Amino acid sequence: MWALGLVGIGFLGLGQVFATATALALERIPHAAGTGSAVLGTLQSALGAAVAPLMGIAGGHTVVPLFLGMTLCALIATLALRLTK
């Protein structure tokens, strides 16, 4: 049950980050905001489609793959942030 709570907290954070990140990305290209939005949406959908089978490899009886996948993505995002500063 605690794992479901942690996943829920993670998804709450995603809702806040995606909206802000999209707005900040589109702010840099106001003359092509529609194209930028389409590219961002396509990339999000493609990455979701690529990662979903990896998360489901262990079956539907455990949330461990989801937890590991979210942790790995958070570490990659933290590394990318450190490299850009």
N, C-alpha and C. Protein backbone atom coordinates (compact mmCIF):
# COMPACT_ATOMS: atom_id res chain seq x y z
N MET A 1 0.82 -1.20 0.00
CA MET A 1 0.00 0.00 0.00
C MET A 1 0.87 1.26 0.00
N TRP A 2 1.99 1.21 0.70
CA TRP A 2 2.86 2.39 0.75
C TRP A 2 3.44 2.70 -0.62
N ALA A 3 3.66 1.65 -1.44
CA ALA A 3 4.20 1.86 -2.79
C ALA A 3 3.22 2.64 -3.64
N LEU A 4 1.94 2.36 -3.51
CA LEU A 4 0.92 3.08 -4.26
C LEU A 4 0.92 4.56 -3.86
N GLY A 5 1.11 4.83 -2.60
CA GLY A 5 1.19 6.22 -2.13
C GLY A 5 2.39 6.94 -2.71
N LEU A 6 3.53 6.26 -2.76
CA LEU A 6 4.73 6.88 -3.33
C LEU A 6 4.58 7.13 -4.82
N VAL A 7 3.96 6.19 -5.53
CA VAL A 7 3.72 6.39 -6.95
C VAL A 7 2.76 7.56 -7.16
N GLY A 8 1.76 7.66 -6.32
CA GLY A 8 0.82 8.78 -6.40
C GLY A 8 1.51 10.12 -6.21
N ILE A 9 2.40 10.20 -5.26
CA ILE A 9 3.17 11.43 -5.04
C ILE A 9 4.01 11.75 -6.26
N GLY A 10 4.61 10.72 -6.85
CA GLY A 10 5.41 10.93 -8.06
C GLY A 10 4.58 11.48 -9.20
N PHE A 11 3.37 10.96 -9.39
CA PHE A 11 2.52 11.44 -10.46
C PHE A 11 1.98 12.84 -10.19
N LEU A 12 1.78 13.20 -8.93
CA LEU A 12 1.39 14.57 -8.61
C LEU A 12 2.49 15.54 -9.04
N GLY A 13 3.73 15.15 -8.79
CA GLY A 13 4.85 15.99 -9.21
C GLY A 13 4.95 16.11 -10.72
N LEU A 14 4.66 15.02 -11.42
CA LEU A 14 4.70 15.06 -12.88
C LEU A 14 3.69 16.04 -13.45
N GLY A 15 2.52 16.10 -12.85
CA GLY A 15 1.50 17.03 -13.31
C GLY A 15 1.95 18.47 -13.20
N GLN A 16 2.70 18.78 -12.17
CA GLN A 16 3.20 20.14 -12.00
C GLN A 16 4.37 20.42 -12.94
N VAL A 17 5.25 19.46 -13.13
CA VAL A 17 6.45 19.67 -13.93
C VAL A 17 6.12 19.75 -15.42
N PHE A 18 5.26 18.87 -15.93
CA PHE A 18 4.98 18.85 -17.37
C PHE A 18 4.40 20.18 -17.84
N ALA A 19 3.46 20.72 -17.11
CA ALA A 19 2.85 21.99 -17.53
C ALA A 19 3.87 23.13 -17.52
N THR A 20 4.66 23.21 -16.48
CA THR A 20 5.66 24.27 -16.39
C THR A 20 6.76 24.10 -17.44
N ALA A 21 7.24 22.89 -17.62
CA ALA A 21 8.30 22.64 -18.60
C ALA A 21 7.82 22.95 -20.01
N THR A 22 6.59 22.61 -20.34
CA THR A 22 6.05 22.90 -21.66
C THR A 22 5.95 24.40 -21.87
N ALA A 23 5.45 25.11 -20.88
CA ALA A 23 5.33 26.57 -21.01
C ALA A 23 6.70 27.23 -21.17
N LEU A 24 7.68 26.78 -20.41
CA LEU A 24 9.02 27.36 -20.52
C LEU A 24 9.67 27.03 -21.87
N ALA A 25 9.45 25.83 -22.36
CA ALA A 25 10.02 25.46 -23.66
C ALA A 25 9.39 26.27 -24.79
N LEU A 26 8.08 26.46 -24.73
CA LEU A 26 7.40 27.20 -25.79
C LEU A 26 7.66 28.70 -25.71
N GLU A 27 8.05 29.19 -24.55
CA GLU A 27 8.37 30.60 -24.39
C GLU A 27 9.58 30.99 -25.23
N ARG A 28 10.46 30.05 -25.47
CA ARG A 28 11.68 30.32 -26.24
C ARG A 28 11.43 30.42 -27.74
N ILE A 29 10.31 29.88 -28.21
CA ILE A 29 9.99 29.92 -29.64
C ILE A 29 8.55 30.41 -29.86
N PRO A 30 8.25 31.65 -29.50
CA PRO A 30 6.86 32.11 -29.62
C PRO A 30 6.36 32.15 -31.06
N HIS A 31 7.24 32.29 -32.03
CA HIS A 31 6.83 32.34 -33.43
C HIS A 31 6.44 30.97 -33.98
N ALA A 32 6.80 29.89 -33.29
CA ALA A 32 6.48 28.54 -33.74
C ALA A 32 5.94 27.71 -32.58
N ALA A 33 5.08 28.32 -31.78
CA ALA A 33 4.57 27.63 -30.58
C ALA A 33 3.76 26.38 -30.94
N GLY A 34 3.00 26.44 -32.03
CA GLY A 34 2.21 25.27 -32.44
C GLY A 34 3.09 24.09 -32.82
N THR A 35 4.13 24.38 -33.59
CA THR A 35 5.05 23.32 -33.99
C THR A 35 5.79 22.76 -32.78
N GLY A 36 6.23 23.64 -31.90
CA GLY A 36 6.93 23.20 -30.69
C GLY A 36 6.04 22.34 -29.82
N SER A 37 4.78 22.73 -29.69
CA SER A 37 3.84 21.95 -28.89
C SER A 37 3.62 20.57 -29.50
N ALA A 38 3.53 20.52 -30.84
CA ALA A 38 3.34 19.23 -31.52
C ALA A 38 4.55 18.33 -31.33
N VAL A 39 5.74 18.91 -31.41
CA VAL A 39 6.95 18.11 -31.23
C VAL A 39 7.03 17.58 -29.80
N LEU A 40 6.74 18.43 -28.82
CA LEU A 40 6.76 17.98 -27.42
C LEU A 40 5.74 16.87 -27.17
N GLY A 41 4.55 17.03 -27.70
CA GLY A 41 3.52 16.00 -27.53
C GLY A 41 3.90 14.68 -28.18
N THR A 42 4.49 14.77 -29.37
CA THR A 42 4.93 13.56 -30.07
C THR A 42 6.03 12.85 -29.29
N LEU A 43 7.00 13.61 -28.79
CA LEU A 43 8.09 13.00 -28.02
C LEU A 43 7.58 12.36 -26.74
N GLN A 44 6.64 13.03 -26.05
CA GLN A 44 6.10 12.46 -24.82
C GLN A 44 5.36 11.15 -25.10
N SER A 45 4.57 11.14 -26.17
CA SER A 45 3.83 9.93 -26.51
C SER A 45 4.76 8.80 -26.96
N ALA A 46 5.77 9.14 -27.76
CA ALA A 46 6.69 8.12 -28.24
C ALA A 46 7.51 7.52 -27.10
N LEU A 47 7.98 8.37 -26.20
CA LEU A 47 8.75 7.85 -25.06
C LEU A 47 7.87 7.02 -24.13
N GLY A 48 6.63 7.44 -23.95
CA GLY A 48 5.70 6.65 -23.13
C GLY A 48 5.43 5.29 -23.75
N ALA A 49 5.27 5.27 -25.07
CA ALA A 49 5.04 4.00 -25.76
C ALA A 49 6.27 3.10 -25.72
N ALA A 50 7.45 3.68 -25.71
CA ALA A 50 8.67 2.88 -25.67
C ALA A 50 8.94 2.32 -24.27
N VAL A 51 8.58 3.07 -23.26
CA VAL A 51 8.90 2.68 -21.89
C VAL A 51 7.82 1.77 -21.29
N ALA A 52 6.58 1.90 -21.72
CA ALA A 52 5.48 1.11 -21.13
C ALA A 52 5.72 -0.39 -21.17
N PRO A 53 6.18 -0.97 -22.28
CA PRO A 53 6.44 -2.42 -22.26
C PRO A 53 7.55 -2.81 -21.29
N LEU A 54 8.52 -1.93 -21.14
CA LEU A 54 9.61 -2.23 -20.19
C LEU A 54 9.09 -2.28 -18.76
N MET A 55 8.14 -1.41 -18.44
CA MET A 55 7.58 -1.39 -17.09
C MET A 55 6.68 -2.60 -16.84
N GLY A 56 6.10 -3.14 -17.90
CA GLY A 56 5.20 -4.28 -17.74
C GLY A 56 5.85 -5.63 -17.86
N ILE A 57 7.16 -5.67 -18.00
CA ILE A 57 7.86 -6.95 -18.18
C ILE A 57 7.63 -7.90 -17.01
N ALA A 58 7.59 -7.38 -15.80
CA ALA A 58 7.46 -8.24 -14.62
C ALA A 58 6.01 -8.65 -14.36
N GLY A 59 5.08 -8.22 -15.19
CA GLY A 59 3.68 -8.58 -14.99
C GLY A 59 2.95 -7.55 -14.16
N GLY A 60 1.70 -7.82 -13.94
CA GLY A 60 0.86 -6.87 -13.22
C GLY A 60 0.77 -7.11 -11.73
N HIS A 61 1.63 -7.94 -11.18
CA HIS A 61 1.52 -8.29 -9.77
C HIS A 61 2.45 -7.50 -8.87
N THR A 62 3.29 -6.64 -9.45
CA THR A 62 4.23 -5.90 -8.63
C THR A 62 4.44 -4.51 -9.23
N VAL A 63 4.74 -3.55 -8.37
CA VAL A 63 5.01 -2.19 -8.82
C VAL A 63 6.51 -1.90 -8.84
N VAL A 64 7.31 -2.90 -8.59
CA VAL A 64 8.76 -2.71 -8.53
C VAL A 64 9.32 -2.17 -9.85
N PRO A 65 8.93 -2.72 -11.03
CA PRO A 65 9.47 -2.15 -12.27
C PRO A 65 9.09 -0.68 -12.45
N LEU A 66 7.88 -0.32 -12.09
CA LEU A 66 7.45 1.07 -12.19
C LEU A 66 8.29 1.95 -11.27
N PHE A 67 8.50 1.49 -10.06
CA PHE A 67 9.32 2.24 -9.10
C PHE A 67 10.75 2.41 -9.61
N LEU A 68 11.32 1.32 -10.12
CA LEU A 68 12.69 1.40 -10.64
C LEU A 68 12.77 2.30 -11.87
N GLY A 69 11.79 2.21 -12.75
CA GLY A 69 11.77 3.07 -13.93
C GLY A 69 11.65 4.54 -13.57
N MET A 70 10.78 4.86 -12.62
CA MET A 70 10.63 6.26 -12.20
C MET A 70 11.89 6.75 -11.50
N THR A 71 12.51 5.90 -10.71
CA THR A 71 13.75 6.28 -10.04
C THR A 71 14.86 6.52 -11.05
N LEU A 72 14.98 5.65 -12.04
CA LEU A 72 15.99 5.82 -13.08
C LEU A 72 15.76 7.12 -13.86
N CYS A 73 14.52 7.39 -14.22
CA CYS A 73 14.22 8.63 -14.95
C CYS A 73 14.51 9.86 -14.09
N ALA A 74 14.23 9.79 -12.80
CA ALA A 74 14.54 10.92 -11.91
C ALA A 74 16.05 11.13 -11.82
N LEU A 75 16.80 10.05 -11.76
CA LEU A 75 18.26 10.18 -11.72
C LEU A 75 18.81 10.77 -13.03
N ILE A 76 18.26 10.33 -14.15
CA ILE A 76 18.69 10.88 -15.44
C ILE A 76 18.36 12.36 -15.54
N ALA A 77 17.17 12.75 -15.07
CA ALA A 77 16.77 14.15 -15.09
C ALA A 77 17.68 14.99 -14.19
N THR A 78 18.02 14.45 -13.03
CA THR A 78 18.92 15.17 -12.11
C THR A 78 20.30 15.33 -12.73
N LEU A 79 20.78 14.29 -13.38
CA LEU A 79 22.08 14.38 -14.06
C LEU A 79 22.04 15.41 -15.19
N ALA A 80 20.97 15.42 -15.97
CA ALA A 80 20.84 16.39 -17.05
C ALA A 80 20.79 17.82 -16.50
N LEU A 81 20.12 18.00 -15.38
CA LEU A 81 20.06 19.33 -14.76
C LEU A 81 21.44 19.76 -14.29
N ARG A 82 22.17 18.86 -13.68
CA ARG A 82 23.53 19.18 -13.21
C ARG A 82 24.48 19.52 -14.36
N LEU A 83 24.30 18.82 -15.48
CA LEU A 83 25.18 19.06 -16.63
C LEU A 83 24.88 20.38 -17.34
N THR A 84 23.65 20.88 -17.21
CA THR A 84 23.27 22.12 -17.90
C THR A 84 23.52 23.35 -17.05
N LYS A 85 23.82 23.20 -15.79
CA LYS A 85 24.04 24.38 -14.95
C LYS A 85 25.46 24.85 -15.01
